[in-house]
N, C-alpha and C. Protein backbone atom coordinates (compact mmCIF):
# COMPACT_ATOMS: atom_id res chain seq x y z
N MET A 1 20.45 -11.30 -14.00
CA MET A 1 19.93 -9.90 -13.62
C MET A 1 20.78 -9.36 -12.60
N LYS A 2 20.72 -8.03 -12.45
CA LYS A 2 21.59 -7.40 -11.36
C LYS A 2 20.66 -6.81 -10.33
N PHE A 3 20.99 -7.02 -9.13
CA PHE A 3 20.27 -6.44 -7.82
C PHE A 3 21.17 -5.64 -7.08
N LYS A 4 20.53 -4.55 -6.46
CA LYS A 4 21.15 -3.71 -5.60
C LYS A 4 20.81 -4.13 -4.18
N ALA A 5 21.78 -4.15 -3.16
CA ALA A 5 21.55 -4.35 -1.88
C ALA A 5 21.87 -3.20 -1.12
N GLU A 6 20.95 -2.79 -0.10
CA GLU A 6 21.53 -1.57 0.75
C GLU A 6 21.51 -2.35 2.06
N ILE A 7 22.56 -2.43 2.84
CA ILE A 7 22.86 -3.10 4.07
C ILE A 7 23.12 -2.11 5.13
N ASP A 8 22.43 -2.21 6.31
CA ASP A 8 22.80 -1.38 7.53
C ASP A 8 23.29 -2.38 8.57
N VAL A 9 24.56 -2.13 9.08
CA VAL A 9 25.10 -2.83 10.19
C VAL A 9 25.20 -1.86 11.43
N MET A 10 24.62 -2.23 12.43
CA MET A 10 24.55 -1.58 13.60
C MET A 10 25.07 -2.42 14.76
N PRO A 11 25.79 -1.67 15.97
CA PRO A 11 26.15 -2.44 17.05
C PRO A 11 24.92 -2.81 17.95
N LEU A 12 24.99 -3.89 18.51
CA LEU A 12 23.86 -4.48 19.19
C LEU A 12 23.63 -3.48 20.41
N ASP A 13 22.21 -3.43 20.81
CA ASP A 13 21.73 -2.48 21.73
C ASP A 13 22.26 -2.72 22.97
N ALA A 14 22.72 -3.98 23.42
CA ALA A 14 23.31 -4.20 24.57
C ALA A 14 24.81 -3.78 24.77
N LEU A 15 25.36 -3.43 23.71
CA LEU A 15 26.71 -3.15 23.89
C LEU A 15 27.04 -1.63 23.64
N LEU A 16 28.13 -1.25 24.47
CA LEU A 16 28.49 0.24 24.31
C LEU A 16 28.96 0.64 22.97
N ASP A 17 28.39 1.84 22.54
CA ASP A 17 28.84 2.29 21.24
C ASP A 17 29.48 3.61 21.67
N PRO A 18 30.90 3.62 21.93
CA PRO A 18 31.61 4.82 22.17
C PRO A 18 31.44 5.99 21.25
N GLN A 19 31.32 5.77 19.85
CA GLN A 19 31.37 6.91 18.90
C GLN A 19 29.98 7.51 19.16
N GLY A 20 29.00 6.66 19.14
CA GLY A 20 27.59 7.19 19.26
C GLY A 20 27.35 7.95 20.69
N LYS A 21 27.96 7.43 21.74
CA LYS A 21 27.90 8.30 22.98
C LYS A 21 28.64 9.55 22.90
N ALA A 22 29.73 9.46 22.28
CA ALA A 22 30.57 10.90 22.13
C ALA A 22 29.65 11.89 21.28
N VAL A 23 29.11 11.38 20.22
CA VAL A 23 28.19 12.33 19.45
C VAL A 23 26.81 12.70 20.22
N SER A 24 26.50 11.65 20.80
CA SER A 24 25.16 12.01 21.85
C SER A 24 25.56 13.13 22.91
N ASN A 25 26.50 12.96 23.53
CA ASN A 25 27.21 13.91 24.40
C ASN A 25 27.37 15.42 23.79
N SER A 26 27.72 15.55 22.50
CA SER A 26 28.02 16.63 21.89
C SER A 26 27.08 17.47 21.39
N MET A 27 25.67 16.89 21.36
CA MET A 27 24.56 17.44 20.78
C MET A 27 24.22 18.68 21.50
N GLY A 28 24.32 18.60 22.79
CA GLY A 28 23.95 19.81 23.55
C GLY A 28 24.69 21.00 23.35
N SER A 29 26.07 20.76 22.89
CA SER A 29 27.09 21.82 22.80
C SER A 29 26.74 22.48 21.32
N VAL A 30 26.10 21.81 20.45
CA VAL A 30 25.87 22.49 19.13
C VAL A 30 24.38 22.81 18.96
N GLY A 31 23.70 23.07 20.16
CA GLY A 31 22.36 23.43 20.39
C GLY A 31 21.28 22.55 19.95
N LEU A 32 21.58 21.22 20.19
CA LEU A 32 20.61 20.07 19.77
C LEU A 32 20.41 19.27 21.20
N PRO A 33 19.95 19.83 22.27
CA PRO A 33 19.93 18.97 23.31
C PRO A 33 18.77 17.93 23.41
N GLU A 34 17.88 18.09 22.45
CA GLU A 34 16.80 17.12 22.24
C GLU A 34 17.08 15.84 21.59
N ILE A 35 18.52 15.81 21.03
CA ILE A 35 18.78 14.52 20.49
C ILE A 35 19.63 13.89 21.36
N GLU A 36 19.23 12.50 21.50
CA GLU A 36 20.05 11.73 22.42
C GLU A 36 19.87 10.10 21.93
N GLY A 37 20.84 9.33 22.57
CA GLY A 37 20.69 7.96 22.19
C GLY A 37 21.28 7.67 20.92
N VAL A 38 22.30 8.38 20.37
CA VAL A 38 22.86 8.20 19.01
C VAL A 38 23.62 6.88 19.01
N ARG A 39 23.33 6.15 17.96
CA ARG A 39 24.04 4.94 17.67
C ARG A 39 24.70 5.03 16.13
N ILE A 40 25.86 4.61 16.16
CA ILE A 40 26.50 4.75 14.85
C ILE A 40 26.97 3.40 14.20
N GLY A 41 26.66 3.16 12.98
CA GLY A 41 26.95 2.03 12.29
C GLY A 41 27.47 2.17 11.05
N LYS A 42 27.27 1.18 10.08
CA LYS A 42 27.78 1.29 8.77
C LYS A 42 26.57 1.07 7.77
N HIS A 43 26.70 1.77 6.54
CA HIS A 43 25.77 1.54 5.57
C HIS A 43 26.68 0.99 4.40
N ILE A 44 26.30 -0.11 3.69
CA ILE A 44 26.89 -0.72 2.47
C ILE A 44 25.94 -0.76 1.47
N ARG A 45 26.44 -0.37 0.26
CA ARG A 45 25.81 -0.70 -0.84
C ARG A 45 26.44 -1.67 -1.77
N LEU A 46 25.76 -2.67 -2.28
CA LEU A 46 26.70 -3.54 -3.25
C LEU A 46 25.75 -3.95 -4.51
N PHE A 47 26.26 -4.58 -5.31
CA PHE A 47 25.47 -5.13 -6.62
C PHE A 47 25.81 -6.58 -6.57
N VAL A 48 24.81 -7.30 -6.88
CA VAL A 48 24.90 -8.77 -7.08
C VAL A 48 24.30 -9.19 -8.40
N ASP A 49 25.03 -10.06 -9.21
CA ASP A 49 24.58 -10.73 -10.32
C ASP A 49 23.97 -11.98 -9.98
N ALA A 50 22.78 -12.24 -10.22
CA ALA A 50 22.00 -13.46 -9.65
C ALA A 50 20.86 -13.62 -10.71
N LYS A 51 20.47 -14.92 -10.74
CA LYS A 51 19.37 -15.45 -11.47
C LYS A 51 18.10 -14.93 -11.13
N SER A 52 17.92 -14.71 -9.73
CA SER A 52 16.52 -14.48 -9.07
C SER A 52 16.93 -13.65 -7.89
N GLU A 53 15.87 -13.03 -7.33
CA GLU A 53 15.80 -12.21 -6.09
C GLU A 53 16.31 -13.15 -4.93
N ASP A 54 15.76 -14.47 -4.94
CA ASP A 54 16.09 -15.27 -3.84
C ASP A 54 17.54 -15.71 -3.75
N GLU A 55 18.00 -15.76 -4.98
CA GLU A 55 19.64 -16.35 -5.16
C GLU A 55 20.40 -14.95 -4.61
N ALA A 56 19.98 -13.67 -4.96
CA ALA A 56 20.53 -12.46 -4.76
C ALA A 56 20.51 -12.33 -3.13
N LYS A 57 19.38 -12.54 -2.48
CA LYS A 57 19.25 -12.55 -1.12
C LYS A 57 20.16 -13.60 -0.41
N ASN A 58 20.28 -14.72 -0.81
CA ASN A 58 21.15 -15.59 -0.21
C ASN A 58 22.65 -15.20 -0.23
N SER A 59 23.12 -14.46 -1.50
CA SER A 59 24.37 -14.25 -1.65
C SER A 59 24.63 -12.85 -0.61
N VAL A 60 23.63 -11.91 -0.34
CA VAL A 60 23.78 -10.91 0.44
C VAL A 60 23.85 -11.40 1.89
N GLU A 61 22.86 -12.49 2.23
CA GLU A 61 23.07 -12.97 3.68
C GLU A 61 24.43 -13.47 3.93
N GLN A 62 25.08 -14.36 2.98
CA GLN A 62 26.17 -14.91 3.21
C GLN A 62 27.37 -13.96 3.47
N ALA A 63 27.21 -12.91 2.57
CA ALA A 63 28.30 -11.74 2.73
C ALA A 63 28.10 -11.10 4.11
N CYS A 64 26.87 -10.88 4.66
CA CYS A 64 26.64 -10.12 6.07
C CYS A 64 27.28 -11.11 7.04
N LYS A 65 26.83 -12.41 7.00
CA LYS A 65 27.18 -13.31 7.94
C LYS A 65 28.98 -13.41 7.93
N LYS A 66 29.46 -13.54 6.76
CA LYS A 66 30.83 -13.99 6.56
C LYS A 66 31.81 -12.80 6.79
N ILE A 67 31.63 -11.64 6.20
CA ILE A 67 32.51 -10.59 6.16
C ILE A 67 31.97 -9.21 6.56
N LEU A 68 30.88 -8.79 6.32
CA LEU A 68 30.26 -7.44 6.51
C LEU A 68 29.99 -7.17 7.91
N SER A 69 29.67 -8.10 8.80
CA SER A 69 29.18 -7.95 10.16
C SER A 69 29.95 -8.87 11.10
N ASN A 70 30.10 -8.56 12.31
CA ASN A 70 30.45 -9.32 13.32
C ASN A 70 29.27 -9.72 14.28
N GLN A 71 28.80 -10.89 13.89
CA GLN A 71 27.36 -11.29 14.57
C GLN A 71 27.58 -11.33 16.11
N ILE A 72 28.69 -11.28 16.64
CA ILE A 72 28.85 -11.22 18.12
C ILE A 72 28.38 -9.84 18.70
N MET A 73 28.89 -8.81 17.84
CA MET A 73 28.82 -7.37 18.39
C MET A 73 27.81 -6.57 17.57
N GLU A 74 27.33 -7.13 16.35
CA GLU A 74 26.53 -6.31 15.47
C GLU A 74 25.38 -6.93 14.83
N SER A 75 24.26 -6.34 14.52
CA SER A 75 23.14 -6.84 13.69
C SER A 75 23.13 -6.15 12.53
N TYR A 76 22.30 -6.83 11.49
CA TYR A 76 22.30 -6.19 10.24
C TYR A 76 20.86 -6.41 9.53
N SER A 77 20.59 -5.35 8.79
CA SER A 77 19.37 -5.68 7.94
C SER A 77 19.69 -5.17 6.56
N TYR A 78 18.99 -5.49 5.65
CA TYR A 78 19.07 -5.14 4.22
C TYR A 78 17.76 -5.22 3.33
N THR A 79 17.82 -4.52 2.17
CA THR A 79 16.81 -4.44 1.51
C THR A 79 17.54 -4.85 -0.01
N ILE A 80 16.81 -5.39 -0.95
CA ILE A 80 17.26 -5.77 -2.21
C ILE A 80 16.25 -5.26 -3.21
N SER A 81 16.87 -4.56 -4.27
CA SER A 81 15.86 -4.28 -5.48
C SER A 81 16.67 -4.68 -6.70
N GLU A 82 15.89 -4.56 -7.86
CA GLU A 82 16.50 -4.74 -9.12
C GLU A 82 17.22 -3.52 -9.43
N ALA A 83 18.54 -3.49 -10.01
CA ALA A 83 19.32 -2.48 -10.30
C ALA A 83 19.15 -1.99 -11.67
């Protein structure tokens, strides 16, 4: 079976996010002063060939831990659905 994973990788809340801070600081100058606390991360979509959803989750989990995120600085979450 083929599964689709949608993965979000975000900087940890305790760490500075320079991109997010820059965007947050710019919101007032574009007429959106009510927007604050912007955090910028990555969204990754990938497809997994697996025998079951559990097997697909295991593959996605390993990919997130080994290459898609830096666990010292980032957190991740994902959803899996049949493709």
